[in-house]
Amino acid sequence: MLDSLQVVAEPRRRAILRLVWGRELAASDIAAHFDVSFPAVSQHLGVLRDAGFVSVRREGRTRLYKADR
């Protein structure tokens, strides 16, 4: 289990948090901002979700992420 500092120490996770800070975005929209695979971004989203930094809700087959302030 990562502590909060380890979670936000990763630059891509900080960038994801900036993207979803004031709005809700689909995982695919978040992934489009990065030069890594969708599964890699999905893994970062999972870490952020497990640590309580983002919330997720499902809308059909889409998962929407937003910073959980």
N, C-alpha and C. Protein backbone atom coordinates (compact mmCIF):
# COMPACT_ATOMS: atom_id res chain seq x y z
N MET A 1 0.84 -1.19 0.00
CA MET A 1 0.00 0.00 0.00
C MET A 1 0.89 1.25 0.00
N LEU A 2 0.60 2.16 -0.88
CA LEU A 2 1.36 3.40 -0.98
C LEU A 2 0.80 4.45 -0.03
N ASP A 3 1.68 5.26 0.54
CA ASP A 3 1.16 6.37 1.33
C ASP A 3 0.88 7.55 0.39
N SER A 4 0.24 8.57 0.90
CA SER A 4 -0.20 9.70 0.07
C SER A 4 0.95 10.37 -0.67
N LEU A 5 2.09 10.52 -0.01
CA LEU A 5 3.22 11.16 -0.67
C LEU A 5 3.75 10.33 -1.82
N GLN A 6 3.77 9.02 -1.66
CA GLN A 6 4.22 8.15 -2.74
C GLN A 6 3.25 8.22 -3.93
N VAL A 7 1.98 8.34 -3.63
CA VAL A 7 0.97 8.41 -4.69
C VAL A 7 1.19 9.65 -5.55
N VAL A 8 1.35 10.80 -4.92
CA VAL A 8 1.48 12.04 -5.69
C VAL A 8 2.91 12.33 -6.12
N ALA A 9 3.86 11.49 -5.72
CA ALA A 9 5.24 11.68 -6.16
C ALA A 9 5.40 11.36 -7.64
N GLU A 10 4.52 10.56 -8.19
CA GLU A 10 4.61 10.16 -9.59
C GLU A 10 4.06 11.30 -10.46
N PRO A 11 4.86 11.82 -11.38
CA PRO A 11 4.43 12.98 -12.19
C PRO A 11 3.14 12.77 -12.98
N ARG A 12 2.93 11.60 -13.52
CA ARG A 12 1.69 11.38 -14.30
C ARG A 12 0.46 11.43 -13.39
N ARG A 13 0.60 10.93 -12.19
CA ARG A 13 -0.56 10.99 -11.28
C ARG A 13 -0.86 12.42 -10.90
N ARG A 14 0.16 13.23 -10.69
CA ARG A 14 -0.08 14.66 -10.42
C ARG A 14 -0.75 15.32 -11.62
N ALA A 15 -0.33 14.97 -12.82
CA ALA A 15 -0.93 15.54 -14.03
C ALA A 15 -2.40 15.11 -14.15
N ILE A 16 -2.68 13.87 -13.82
CA ILE A 16 -4.07 13.39 -13.85
C ILE A 16 -4.91 14.19 -12.86
N LEU A 17 -4.38 14.39 -11.67
CA LEU A 17 -5.13 15.18 -10.67
C LEU A 17 -5.43 16.58 -11.17
N ARG A 18 -4.47 17.20 -11.85
CA ARG A 18 -4.71 18.54 -12.41
C ARG A 18 -5.83 18.50 -13.45
N LEU A 19 -5.86 17.45 -14.26
CA LEU A 19 -6.90 17.33 -15.29
C LEU A 19 -8.30 17.21 -14.70
N VAL A 20 -8.41 16.48 -13.60
CA VAL A 20 -9.75 16.19 -13.05
C VAL A 20 -10.07 17.03 -11.82
N TRP A 21 -9.26 18.05 -11.55
CA TRP A 21 -9.46 18.84 -10.34
C TRP A 21 -10.82 19.54 -10.32
N GLY A 22 -11.21 20.19 -11.39
CA GLY A 22 -12.47 20.93 -11.38
C GLY A 22 -13.52 20.37 -12.30
N ARG A 23 -13.26 19.19 -12.83
CA ARG A 23 -14.24 18.62 -13.77
C ARG A 23 -14.13 17.11 -13.78
N GLU A 24 -15.15 16.52 -14.31
CA GLU A 24 -15.22 15.07 -14.44
C GLU A 24 -14.80 14.69 -15.85
N LEU A 25 -13.93 13.72 -15.97
CA LEU A 25 -13.47 13.27 -17.28
C LEU A 25 -13.53 11.75 -17.38
N ALA A 26 -13.82 11.27 -18.58
CA ALA A 26 -13.79 9.84 -18.85
C ALA A 26 -12.34 9.37 -18.88
N ALA A 27 -12.13 8.13 -18.52
CA ALA A 27 -10.79 7.56 -18.52
C ALA A 27 -10.14 7.70 -19.89
N SER A 28 -10.89 7.51 -20.96
CA SER A 28 -10.32 7.63 -22.30
C SER A 28 -9.88 9.06 -22.61
N ASP A 29 -10.62 10.05 -22.11
CA ASP A 29 -10.23 11.45 -22.30
C ASP A 29 -8.96 11.78 -21.51
N ILE A 30 -8.85 11.20 -20.33
CA ILE A 30 -7.63 11.39 -19.53
C ILE A 30 -6.45 10.76 -20.25
N ALA A 31 -6.62 9.55 -20.73
CA ALA A 31 -5.54 8.83 -21.40
C ALA A 31 -5.05 9.55 -22.64
N ALA A 32 -5.94 10.29 -23.31
CA ALA A 32 -5.57 11.00 -24.54
C ALA A 32 -4.53 12.09 -24.29
N HIS A 33 -4.36 12.50 -23.04
CA HIS A 33 -3.39 13.53 -22.70
C HIS A 33 -1.97 12.99 -22.49
N PHE A 34 -1.80 11.68 -22.56
CA PHE A 34 -0.52 11.08 -22.22
C PHE A 34 0.02 10.23 -23.37
N ASP A 35 1.32 10.07 -23.37
CA ASP A 35 1.98 9.29 -24.42
C ASP A 35 2.28 7.87 -23.97
N VAL A 36 1.44 7.34 -23.08
CA VAL A 36 1.57 5.96 -22.63
C VAL A 36 0.27 5.23 -22.94
N SER A 37 0.26 3.94 -22.78
CA SER A 37 -0.91 3.13 -23.13
C SER A 37 -2.08 3.41 -22.19
N PHE A 38 -3.27 3.10 -22.67
CA PHE A 38 -4.46 3.24 -21.84
C PHE A 38 -4.36 2.40 -20.57
N PRO A 39 -3.88 1.14 -20.66
CA PRO A 39 -3.75 0.36 -19.41
C PRO A 39 -2.82 1.02 -18.39
N ALA A 40 -1.78 1.70 -18.85
CA ALA A 40 -0.87 2.38 -17.92
C ALA A 40 -1.60 3.52 -17.21
N VAL A 41 -2.38 4.30 -17.96
CA VAL A 41 -3.15 5.39 -17.36
C VAL A 41 -4.21 4.81 -16.42
N SER A 42 -4.83 3.72 -16.82
CA SER A 42 -5.84 3.08 -15.99
C SER A 42 -5.25 2.62 -14.66
N GLN A 43 -4.02 2.13 -14.70
CA GLN A 43 -3.35 1.71 -13.48
C GLN A 43 -3.11 2.92 -12.56
N HIS A 44 -2.70 4.04 -13.12
CA HIS A 44 -2.51 5.26 -12.33
C HIS A 44 -3.84 5.71 -11.72
N LEU A 45 -4.91 5.63 -12.50
CA LEU A 45 -6.23 6.00 -11.98
C LEU A 45 -6.63 5.10 -10.82
N GLY A 46 -6.32 3.83 -10.93
CA GLY A 46 -6.62 2.89 -9.85
C GLY A 46 -5.88 3.23 -8.57
N VAL A 47 -4.62 3.60 -8.70
CA VAL A 47 -3.83 3.99 -7.53
C VAL A 47 -4.44 5.24 -6.89
N LEU A 48 -4.79 6.22 -7.73
CA LEU A 48 -5.39 7.45 -7.22
C LEU A 48 -6.73 7.18 -6.54
N ARG A 49 -7.51 6.29 -7.13
CA ARG A 49 -8.81 5.93 -6.55
C ARG A 49 -8.62 5.21 -5.22
N ASP A 50 -7.73 4.24 -5.17
CA ASP A 50 -7.51 3.47 -3.94
C ASP A 50 -6.99 4.35 -2.81
N ALA A 51 -6.24 5.39 -3.16
CA ALA A 51 -5.69 6.30 -2.15
C ALA A 51 -6.68 7.39 -1.76
N GLY A 52 -7.83 7.44 -2.43
CA GLY A 52 -8.85 8.43 -2.08
C GLY A 52 -8.67 9.79 -2.73
N PHE A 53 -7.81 9.88 -3.73
CA PHE A 53 -7.59 11.16 -4.41
C PHE A 53 -8.62 11.45 -5.49
N VAL A 54 -9.21 10.42 -6.07
CA VAL A 54 -10.24 10.62 -7.09
C VAL A 54 -11.43 9.74 -6.77
N SER A 55 -12.59 10.20 -7.22
CA SER A 55 -13.80 9.38 -7.14
C SER A 55 -14.15 8.97 -8.56
N VAL A 56 -14.86 7.89 -8.67
CA VAL A 56 -15.24 7.38 -9.99
C VAL A 56 -16.72 7.03 -9.96
N ARG A 57 -17.38 7.31 -11.07
CA ARG A 57 -18.77 6.87 -11.21
C ARG A 57 -18.93 6.30 -12.61
N ARG A 58 -19.82 5.36 -12.72
CA ARG A 58 -20.06 4.71 -14.00
C ARG A 58 -21.28 5.32 -14.66
N GLU A 59 -21.13 5.51 -15.95
CA GLU A 59 -22.25 5.97 -16.78
C GLU A 59 -22.25 5.06 -17.99
N GLY A 60 -23.09 4.03 -17.93
CA GLY A 60 -23.04 3.01 -18.96
C GLY A 60 -21.72 2.26 -18.87
N ARG A 61 -20.99 2.22 -19.97
CA ARG A 61 -19.68 1.55 -19.98
C ARG A 61 -18.54 2.51 -19.67
N THR A 62 -18.85 3.77 -19.49
CA THR A 62 -17.83 4.79 -19.27
C THR A 62 -17.60 5.00 -17.78
N ARG A 63 -16.33 5.13 -17.42
CA ARG A 63 -15.99 5.48 -16.04
C ARG A 63 -15.53 6.93 -16.04
N LEU A 64 -16.16 7.71 -15.19
CA LEU A 64 -15.86 9.14 -15.09
C LEU A 64 -15.14 9.41 -13.78
N TYR A 65 -14.03 10.13 -13.89
CA TYR A 65 -13.18 10.41 -12.73
C TYR A 65 -13.20 11.89 -12.40
N LYS A 66 -13.13 12.18 -11.10
CA LYS A 66 -13.08 13.56 -10.62
C LYS A 66 -12.26 13.58 -9.34
N ALA A 67 -11.49 14.64 -9.15
CA ALA A 67 -10.71 14.76 -7.92
C ALA A 67 -11.66 14.77 -6.74
N ASP A 68 -11.31 14.01 -5.72
CA ASP A 68 -12.12 13.92 -4.51
C ASP A 68 -11.46 14.81 -3.46
N ARG A 69 -11.90 16.05 -3.43
CA ARG A 69 -11.27 17.02 -2.54
C ARG A 69 -11.79 16.86 -1.15
